[in-house]
Protein backbone atom coordinates (compact mmCIF):
# COMPACT_ATOMS: atom_id res chain seq x y z
CA UNK A 1 83.49 6.81 60.73
CA UNK A 2 84.28 9.08 58.16
CA UNK A 3 85.43 6.32 55.47
CA UNK A 4 81.72 4.89 56.26
CA UNK A 5 80.22 8.75 56.09
CA UNK A 6 81.43 8.87 52.54
CA UNK A 7 80.75 5.87 51.21
CA UNK A 8 77.30 6.92 52.05
CA UNK A 9 77.66 10.09 50.28
CA UNK A 10 79.29 8.82 47.37
CA UNK A 11 76.34 6.00 47.12
CA UNK A 12 74.08 8.75 47.18
CA UNK A 13 75.70 10.87 44.59
CA UNK A 14 75.48 7.68 42.30
CA UNK A 15 72.09 7.33 43.07
CA UNK A 16 71.53 10.81 42.04
CA UNK A 17 73.45 10.27 38.91
CA UNK A 18 71.23 7.33 38.11
CA UNK A 19 68.01 9.34 38.61
CA UNK A 20 69.13 11.89 36.83
CA UNK A 21 69.98 9.82 33.76
CA UNK A 22 67.37 7.11 33.79
CA UNK A 23 64.24 8.94 35.58
CA UNK A 24 64.75 11.93 33.26
CA UNK A 25 64.54 10.18 30.23
CA UNK A 26 61.35 7.97 30.73
CA UNK A 27 58.77 10.92 31.82
CA UNK A 28 60.38 12.65 28.48
CA UNK A 29 59.55 8.93 26.80
CA UNK A 30 56.54 9.00 28.12
CA UNK A 31 55.34 12.82 27.15
CA UNK A 32 56.25 12.03 23.54
CA UNK A 33 53.95 8.99 23.49
CA UNK A 34 51.37 10.44 25.27
CA UNK A 35 50.45 13.14 22.26
CA UNK A 36 50.52 10.74 20.06
CA UNK A 37 47.85 8.04 21.73
CA UNK A 38 45.65 11.12 22.32
CA UNK A 39 45.81 12.28 18.63
CA UNK A 40 44.69 9.00 17.33
CA UNK A 41 41.81 8.74 19.23
CA UNK A 42 38.98 10.27 17.85
CA UNK A 43 36.48 12.51 19.86
CA UNK A 44 33.04 12.30 19.33
CA UNK A 45 31.65 14.57 21.28
CA UNK A 46 32.02 16.58 24.50
CA UNK A 47 29.60 16.21 27.74
CA UNK A 48 29.06 18.05 30.78
CA UNK A 49 31.02 16.91 33.74
CA UNK A 50 28.15 16.59 36.24
CA UNK A 51 25.00 16.58 33.80
CA UNK A 52 25.90 13.63 31.18
CA UNK A 53 22.42 14.60 29.24
CA UNK A 54 24.36 17.73 28.36
CA UNK A 55 26.61 17.47 25.26
CA UNK A 56 28.38 19.69 22.89
CA UNK A 57 29.95 19.09 19.37
CA UNK A 58 33.19 21.33 20.48
CA UNK A 59 35.22 22.02 23.68
CA UNK A 60 33.24 23.81 26.39
CA UNK A 61 33.09 24.78 30.08
CA UNK A 62 30.17 24.72 32.37
CA UNK A 63 28.70 27.33 34.57
CA UNK A 64 31.32 26.68 37.32
CA UNK A 65 34.22 27.01 34.88
CA UNK A 66 34.57 23.17 34.74
CA UNK A 67 35.72 21.88 31.09
CA UNK A 68 33.37 19.37 29.36
CA UNK A 69 34.55 15.72 29.14
CA UNK A 70 35.89 14.40 25.95
CA UNK A 71 34.08 11.31 24.86
CA UNK A 72 36.06 9.17 22.24
CA UNK A 73 35.41 6.67 19.63
CA UNK A 74 36.96 3.89 21.10
CA UNK A 75 34.82 4.31 24.47
CA UNK A 76 31.55 4.00 22.46
CA UNK A 77 33.02 1.20 20.01
CA UNK A 78 33.62 -1.17 23.19
CA UNK A 79 29.48 -1.40 23.44
CA UNK A 80 28.07 -2.17 19.81
CA UNK A 81 25.26 0.29 19.33
CA UNK A 82 26.02 2.39 21.92
CA UNK A 83 23.87 5.06 22.78
CA UNK A 84 25.42 8.40 23.77
CA UNK A 85 24.30 9.24 27.48
CA UNK A 86 23.08 5.95 28.01
CA UNK A 87 25.12 2.59 29.15
CA UNK A 88 24.04 -1.10 29.58
CA UNK A 89 22.26 -1.92 32.65
CA UNK A 90 23.27 -5.35 34.61
CA UNK A 91 21.06 -6.69 37.29
CA UNK A 92 19.47 -9.99 38.03
CA UNK A 93 16.12 -11.74 37.31
CA UNK A 94 14.96 -10.75 41.29
CA UNK A 95 15.92 -6.88 40.89
CA UNK A 96 13.83 -6.93 37.22
CA UNK A 97 10.97 -8.90 39.37
CA UNK A 98 11.09 -6.30 41.85
CA UNK A 99 11.49 -3.56 39.49
CA UNK A 100 8.25 -4.47 37.40
CA UNK A 101 9.86 -4.62 34.53
CA UNK A 102 8.54 -6.77 31.90
CA UNK A 103 9.27 -7.65 28.17
CA UNK A 104 7.99 -8.65 24.63
CA UNK A 105 9.50 -10.49 21.67
CA UNK A 106 10.01 -8.14 18.37
CA UNK A 107 8.12 -10.10 15.85
CA UNK A 108 7.86 -9.94 11.77
CA UNK A 109 4.31 -9.66 10.79
CA UNK A 110 2.40 -7.21 8.52
CA UNK A 111 0.89 -4.42 10.65
CA UNK A 112 -2.58 -2.87 9.50
CA UNK A 113 -2.34 1.02 9.79
CA UNK A 114 -5.40 2.99 10.84
CA UNK A 115 -5.94 6.30 12.44
CA UNK A 116 -8.89 7.33 14.87
CA UNK A 117 -10.80 10.99 14.61
CA UNK A 118 -14.25 12.28 15.69
CA UNK A 119 -16.32 12.97 12.62
CA UNK A 120 -19.59 15.07 12.52
CA UNK A 121 -22.33 13.97 9.80
CA UNK A 122 -23.46 16.80 7.27
CA UNK A 123 -26.04 16.48 4.15
CA UNK A 124 -25.08 15.75 1.13
CA UNK A 125 -25.01 18.90 -0.37
CA UNK A 126 -25.91 17.01 -3.54
CA UNK A 127 -29.30 15.71 -2.37
CA UNK A 128 -30.58 19.17 -1.10
CA UNK A 129 -33.49 20.91 -3.19
CA UNK A 130 -34.91 24.00 -2.85
CA UNK A 131 -38.81 24.49 -4.09
CA UNK A 132 -39.43 27.94 -5.12
CA UNK A 133 -41.54 29.66 -8.05
CA UNK A 134 -41.09 30.97 -11.34
CA UNK A 135 -44.02 33.41 -11.70
CA UNK A 136 -45.61 35.99 -8.83
CA UNK A 137 -48.61 35.36 -6.88
CA UNK A 138 -50.06 34.28 -3.30
CA UNK A 139 -49.83 30.91 -1.27
CA UNK A 140 -53.52 29.87 -1.44
CA UNK A 141 -52.74 26.57 0.60
CA UNK A 142 -49.94 24.81 2.61
CA UNK A 143 -49.81 21.02 2.27
CA UNK A 144 -46.78 20.91 4.01
CA UNK A 145 -46.42 22.92 7.13
CA UNK A 146 -44.31 22.26 9.01
CA UNK A 147 -40.17 21.83 9.18
CA UNK A 148 -38.84 18.31 9.52
CA UNK A 149 -41.81 17.09 8.02
CA UNK A 150 -41.23 13.84 5.43
CA UNK A 151 -42.35 14.26 1.84
CA UNK A 152 -42.00 11.92 -1.05
CA UNK A 153 -41.39 13.14 -4.81
CA UNK A 154 -44.52 14.29 -6.66
CA UNK A 155 -46.14 14.59 -2.84
CA UNK A 156 -48.39 18.14 -3.01
CA UNK A 157 -46.52 21.12 -1.15
CA UNK A 158 -48.58 23.97 -1.86
CA UNK A 159 -51.25 25.53 -4.10
CA UNK A 160 -50.53 29.34 -5.38
CA UNK A 161 -52.69 31.61 -7.31
CA UNK A 162 -51.10 33.43 -10.28
CA UNK A 163 -52.46 36.11 -12.46
CA UNK A 164 -49.86 34.98 -15.06
CA UNK A 165 -50.54 31.03 -14.67
CA UNK A 166 -54.27 31.79 -15.18
CA UNK A 167 -53.20 33.82 -18.63
CA UNK A 168 -50.88 31.04 -19.75
CA UNK A 169 -53.52 28.16 -19.20
CA UNK A 170 -56.31 30.41 -21.18
CA UNK A 171 -53.71 30.85 -24.13
CA UNK A 172 -52.96 27.00 -24.09
CA UNK A 173 -56.75 26.29 -24.54
CA UNK A 174 -57.17 28.75 -27.20
CA UNK A 175 -53.96 27.60 -29.04
CA UNK A 176 -55.74 23.87 -28.70
CA UNK A 177 -59.02 25.30 -30.15
CA UNK A 178 -56.90 26.86 -33.02
CA UNK A 179 -54.85 23.69 -33.98
CA UNK A 180 -57.85 21.74 -33.80
CA UNK A 181 -59.52 24.15 -36.49
CA UNK A 182 -56.29 24.13 -38.31
CA UNK A 183 -55.92 20.50 -38.47
CA UNK A 184 -58.79 20.47 -41.55
CA UNK A 185 -57.06 23.03 -43.54
CA UNK A 186 -55.95 21.41 -47.04
CA UNK A 187 -52.71 23.41 -46.34
CA UNK A 188 -49.55 21.83 -45.12
CA UNK A 189 -48.32 25.15 -43.49
CA UNK A 190 -51.38 25.97 -41.72
CA UNK A 191 -51.68 22.74 -40.25
CA UNK A 192 -48.18 23.03 -38.96
CA UNK A 193 -48.65 26.21 -37.63
CA UNK A 194 -51.45 25.35 -35.66
CA UNK A 195 -49.39 22.34 -34.39
CA UNK A 196 -46.48 24.55 -33.38
CA UNK A 197 -48.59 27.48 -31.73
CA UNK A 198 -49.99 24.69 -29.30
CA UNK A 199 -46.68 23.04 -28.44
CA UNK A 200 -45.13 26.49 -27.73
CA UNK A 201 -48.17 27.23 -25.31
CA UNK A 202 -47.67 23.90 -23.41
CA UNK A 203 -43.82 24.34 -23.47
CA UNK A 204 -44.90 27.70 -21.44
CA UNK A 205 -46.59 25.81 -18.75
CA UNK A 206 -44.01 23.28 -18.51
CA UNK A 207 -41.04 26.13 -18.01
CA UNK A 208 -43.39 27.52 -15.01
CA UNK A 209 -42.96 23.82 -13.34
CA UNK A 210 -47.02 23.22 -14.08
CA UNK A 211 -46.97 19.77 -13.04
CA UNK A 212 -48.13 17.08 -15.47
CA UNK A 213 -50.99 16.03 -13.21
CA UNK A 214 -52.40 19.80 -13.96
CA UNK A 215 -51.94 20.07 -17.48
CA UNK A 216 -53.79 16.33 -18.21
CA UNK A 217 -56.71 17.94 -16.29
CA UNK A 218 -56.57 20.98 -18.29
CA UNK A 219 -56.51 19.15 -21.17
CA UNK A 220 -59.47 16.60 -19.73
CA UNK A 221 -61.55 19.45 -18.69
CA UNK A 222 -60.62 22.34 -21.25
CA UNK A 223 -60.97 24.76 -18.22
CA UNK A 224 -58.25 26.64 -16.77
CA UNK A 225 -57.29 26.31 -12.84
CA UNK A 226 -57.60 29.11 -10.36
CA UNK A 227 -54.59 27.76 -8.19
CA UNK A 228 -51.58 25.50 -9.26
CA UNK A 229 -49.95 23.25 -7.06
CA UNK A 230 -46.65 22.45 -6.65
CA UNK A 231 -45.36 19.26 -6.01
CA UNK A 232 -41.99 17.94 -4.00
CA UNK A 233 -38.96 17.54 -6.53
CA UNK A 234 -37.28 14.64 -4.40
CA UNK A 235 -38.19 12.46 -1.65
CA UNK A 236 -36.32 14.11 1.93
CA UNK A 237 -37.16 16.11 4.83
CA UNK A 238 -37.99 19.71 4.71
CA UNK A 239 -35.26 21.08 6.51
CA UNK A 240 -36.40 24.90 6.61
CA UNK A 241 -39.82 26.53 5.67
CA UNK A 242 -39.65 29.83 4.52
CA UNK A 243 -43.47 30.51 3.41
CA UNK A 244 -47.10 30.67 4.85
CA UNK A 245 -50.58 30.60 3.89
CA UNK A 246 -51.20 34.09 2.14
CA UNK A 247 -47.89 34.98 1.77
CA UNK A 248 -47.42 36.82 -1.56
CA UNK A 249 -44.32 35.10 -3.54
CA UNK A 250 -42.14 36.42 -6.48
CA UNK A 251 -40.02 34.61 -9.10
CA UNK A 252 -37.35 33.24 -7.33
CA UNK A 253 -38.52 33.36 -3.81
CA UNK A 254 -37.49 30.42 -1.49
CA UNK A 255 -40.30 28.46 -0.29
CA UNK A 256 -38.57 25.44 1.51
CA UNK A 257 -35.92 23.02 1.24
CA UNK A 258 -36.07 19.27 0.61
CA UNK A 259 -33.11 17.17 1.87
CA UNK A 260 -32.46 13.81 1.26
CA UNK A 261 -31.13 11.57 3.73
CA UNK A 262 -30.49 8.23 2.27
CA UNK A 263 -27.08 9.10 1.91
CA UNK A 264 -24.94 11.67 3.96
CA UNK A 265 -21.32 12.52 4.52
CA UNK A 266 -19.38 12.57 7.42
CA UNK A 267 -16.27 14.81 7.51
CA UNK A 268 -13.58 14.60 9.80
CA UNK A 269 -10.51 16.43 10.69
CA UNK A 270 -6.89 14.07 10.65
CA UNK A 271 -3.35 15.22 11.59
CA UNK A 272 -0.52 15.48 9.05
CA UNK A 273 1.35 12.24 9.97
CA UNK A 274 -2.13 10.59 9.29
CA UNK A 275 -3.32 12.40 6.41
CA UNK A 276 -0.34 11.48 4.37
CA UNK A 277 -1.55 7.80 3.42
CA UNK A 278 -5.02 8.90 2.44
CA UNK A 279 -6.09 8.20 -1.15
CA UNK A 280 -9.44 9.12 -2.49
CA UNK A 281 -11.53 5.43 -2.63
CA UNK A 282 -10.45 4.24 0.39
CA UNK A 283 -12.69 2.49 2.95
CA UNK A 284 -13.41 4.01 6.62
CA UNK A 285 -15.38 2.90 9.45
CA UNK A 286 -17.96 5.27 11.12
CA UNK A 287 -18.81 3.92 14.45
CA UNK A 288 -22.13 5.28 16.04
CA UNK A 289 -21.01 7.11 19.38
CA UNK A 290 -24.24 5.50 21.28
CA UNK A 291 -23.59 1.95 20.03
CA UNK A 292 -20.13 0.68 19.31
CA UNK A 293 -21.09 -2.39 17.89
CA UNK A 294 -23.38 -0.48 14.95
CA UNK A 295 -20.45 0.25 12.65
CA UNK A 296 -21.10 1.81 9.10
CA UNK A 297 -18.45 1.42 5.97
CA UNK A 298 -18.01 4.17 3.41
CA UNK A 299 -15.58 5.31 1.30
CA UNK A 300 -13.24 8.62 1.17
CA UNK A 301 -14.90 10.88 -1.42
CA UNK A 302 -12.95 14.10 -0.75
CA UNK A 303 -9.65 15.04 0.98
CA UNK A 304 -9.07 19.06 1.33
CA UNK A 305 -5.94 20.32 -0.42
CA UNK A 306 -5.39 22.99 2.10
CA UNK A 307 -4.14 22.17 5.73
CA UNK A 308 -5.83 23.99 8.41
CA UNK A 309 -3.13 26.26 10.06
CA UNK A 310 -4.93 26.69 13.40
CA UNK A 311 -5.82 22.95 14.12
CA UNK A 312 -2.76 21.63 11.83
CA UNK A 313 -5.29 18.86 10.48
CA UNK A 314 -6.39 18.27 7.04
CA UNK A 315 -10.43 17.74 6.83
CA UNK A 316 -11.38 14.67 4.89
CA UNK A 317 -15.10 13.69 3.63
CA UNK A 318 -16.66 10.09 3.91
CA UNK A 319 -19.89 9.50 2.06
CA UNK A 320 -21.66 6.31 2.91
CA UNK A 321 -25.14 4.97 3.29
CA UNK A 322 -27.71 5.45 5.69
CA UNK A 323 -30.23 2.86 5.78
CA UNK A 324 -32.64 3.52 8.63
CA UNK A 325 -31.69 7.18 9.12
CA UNK A 326 -29.43 6.14 11.77
CA UNK A 327 -26.83 8.92 11.19
CA UNK A 328 -28.63 12.32 11.53
CA UNK A 329 -26.96 15.71 10.50
CA UNK A 330 -25.19 17.14 13.17
CA UNK A 331 -24.28 14.02 15.27
CA UNK A 332 -20.67 13.06 16.41
CA UNK A 333 -19.06 9.59 15.25
CA UNK A 334 -15.98 7.82 15.10
CA UNK A 335 -13.78 7.62 11.98
CA UNK A 336 -11.48 5.00 11.59
CA UNK A 337 -9.92 5.28 8.25
CA UNK A 338 -8.01 2.58 6.69
CA UNK A 339 -4.14 3.55 6.12
CA UNK A 340 -2.72 0.31 4.33
CA UNK A 341 -0.83 -2.34 5.85
CA UNK A 342 3.32 -2.69 6.39
CA UNK A 343 5.42 -5.92 6.86
CA UNK A 344 8.33 -5.65 9.15
CA UNK A 345 9.83 -6.10 12.59
CA UNK A 346 7.10 -4.90 15.31
CA UNK A 347 7.32 -4.20 18.40
CA UNK A 348 4.83 -2.54 21.04
CA UNK A 349 4.87 0.82 21.09
CA UNK A 350 5.27 1.18 24.96
CA UNK A 351 8.66 -0.09 24.37
CA UNK A 352 9.79 3.44 22.96
CA UNK A 353 11.37 5.89 25.14
CA UNK A 354 10.93 9.13 22.67
CA UNK A 355 13.38 12.01 23.80
CA UNK A 356 11.83 13.96 20.26
CA UNK A 357 15.72 14.03 19.05
CA UNK A 358 15.69 10.34 19.03
CA UNK A 359 13.72 7.16 20.07
CA UNK A 360 15.41 4.66 22.21
CA UNK A 361 14.33 0.99 23.47
CA UNK A 362 16.01 -1.43 25.90
CA UNK A 363 17.00 -4.65 24.59
CA UNK A 364 17.60 -7.82 26.74
CA UNK A 365 21.13 -8.99 26.56
CA UNK A 366 22.00 -11.76 28.95
CA UNK A 367 21.21 -10.79 32.41
CA UNK A 368 20.45 -7.14 31.77
CA UNK A 369 19.59 -4.83 29.21
CA UNK A 370 21.26 -2.62 26.26
CA UNK A 371 19.98 0.86 24.89
CA UNK A 372 19.44 0.76 21.55
CA UNK A 373 18.50 3.62 19.26
CA UNK A 374 16.08 3.01 16.83
CA UNK A 375 14.67 4.53 13.58
CA UNK A 376 10.58 3.74 13.59
CA UNK A 377 7.97 3.56 10.87
CA UNK A 378 4.15 3.73 11.30
CA UNK A 379 2.04 3.02 13.96
CA UNK A 380 -1.20 1.32 14.92
CA UNK A 381 -2.97 -0.81 17.26
CA UNK A 382 -0.30 -0.27 20.07
CA UNK A 383 2.57 -1.28 17.87
CA UNK A 384 5.19 0.59 15.68
CA UNK A 385 7.33 -0.87 12.60
CA UNK A 386 10.89 -0.93 13.54
CA UNK A 387 13.10 -0.01 10.40
CA UNK A 388 16.39 -0.06 11.94
CA UNK A 389 17.76 -1.37 15.41
CA UNK A 390 15.91 -4.25 16.27
CA UNK A 391 15.84 -7.51 15.12
CA UNK A 392 13.19 -10.19 14.99
CA UNK A 393 13.14 -12.53 18.10
CA UNK A 394 14.73 -10.29 20.37
CA UNK A 395 13.13 -9.22 23.59
CA UNK A 396 12.57 -5.25 24.38
CA UNK A 397 11.57 -3.81 27.77
CA UNK A 398 8.14 -2.84 27.51
CA UNK A 399 7.29 -1.99 31.47
CA UNK A 400 9.38 0.03 33.66
CA UNK A 401 11.66 1.13 30.89
CA UNK A 402 11.96 4.32 32.63
CA UNK A 403 13.44 2.63 35.50
CA UNK A 404 16.02 1.18 33.03
CA UNK A 405 16.77 4.71 31.60
CA UNK A 406 17.20 6.39 34.79
CA UNK A 407 19.60 3.51 35.68
CA UNK A 408 21.35 3.58 32.29
CA UNK A 409 22.04 7.20 32.57
CA UNK A 410 23.64 6.83 36.08
CA UNK A 411 25.68 4.26 35.00
CA UNK A 412 26.97 6.46 32.30
CA UNK A 413 27.77 8.58 34.64
CA UNK A 414 29.36 6.89 36.86
CA UNK A 415 31.62 5.58 34.13
CA UNK A 416 32.12 9.16 33.26
CA UNK A 417 33.51 10.05 36.22
CA UNK A 418 35.69 7.20 36.27
């Protein structure tokens, strides 16, 4: 019995000796190799242990004192084009149908860029004329006596009595009589003096804006007229009237304003991202609000060089013809400027999940979807140009992609915990 106990104690001692030799060296080798393996792995960033959306470029602790988990380069390299915080979603076709996931194929084509803004119709400032007199007097008769009345160029507007105009007519008649008398002189200087005197008297009346019809009547009758009729300088509509019959007027007094509406301006405000592609001379379509089928095409004639700091917009002006006077000043219209075209890979803009810091799409791969970060270009007509991240022919999720985003974040969180 004693010998048996001795053998057992000897065996235990031998086992302890073997463990002391071999068991001590193996952990030491592992401990020596572990720092080398960790040092060989490159840390991309650190993420919150409970919220995978929160990242940190340096080691940190959360609000409970837990260390952020490192994310290594080899882990991300396992999935080509992997997006931090997102994981591929693998699911069957039945589950996709139940979730309402729909896809669209990315295709290479030319996309026409356009924008849409609200515009206001205004009067062409170059087609506005003020009617005033250059002499003092009194308004004897108003032939156009209402605001908004249509007038034609040369149409009588008002008749005024002016002692200065009456005296100028009499001077003209005396100069004409003197010129006729000097015309029979034998001296060329005398004849030329009479002609110059007549020309100066007639020029004085013309500078007072006396119509040619009044001068012709003065030559025909040889009698000065008590009142002189002023005519409309252009065709248009009376937009303002500041005179009434019997009113005393002075030189420079504004009598009325005539606006030509055969051509009008449309002014619209475009955002910075839209206005960067605007150029003078570009075409723009104006859509009437009461009739979407009524479209007018004009050209951009002016781009405001200053940005409105309150609305963060830039004002543009479109000049276009106005047949039938369908566009009336003050009317709101829809403005659709043509911003050019771009060729490349195009996908529906509903496929893009924009977080502000990055843009992500879910690409169909096998029985699931893989998140990819993309770089986008211009947008238009419900589509967006993809500069990098998606190839032509690949399918992307365009509906229920937010469900895929939630599932992808959940799978990435579980993978991080594992």
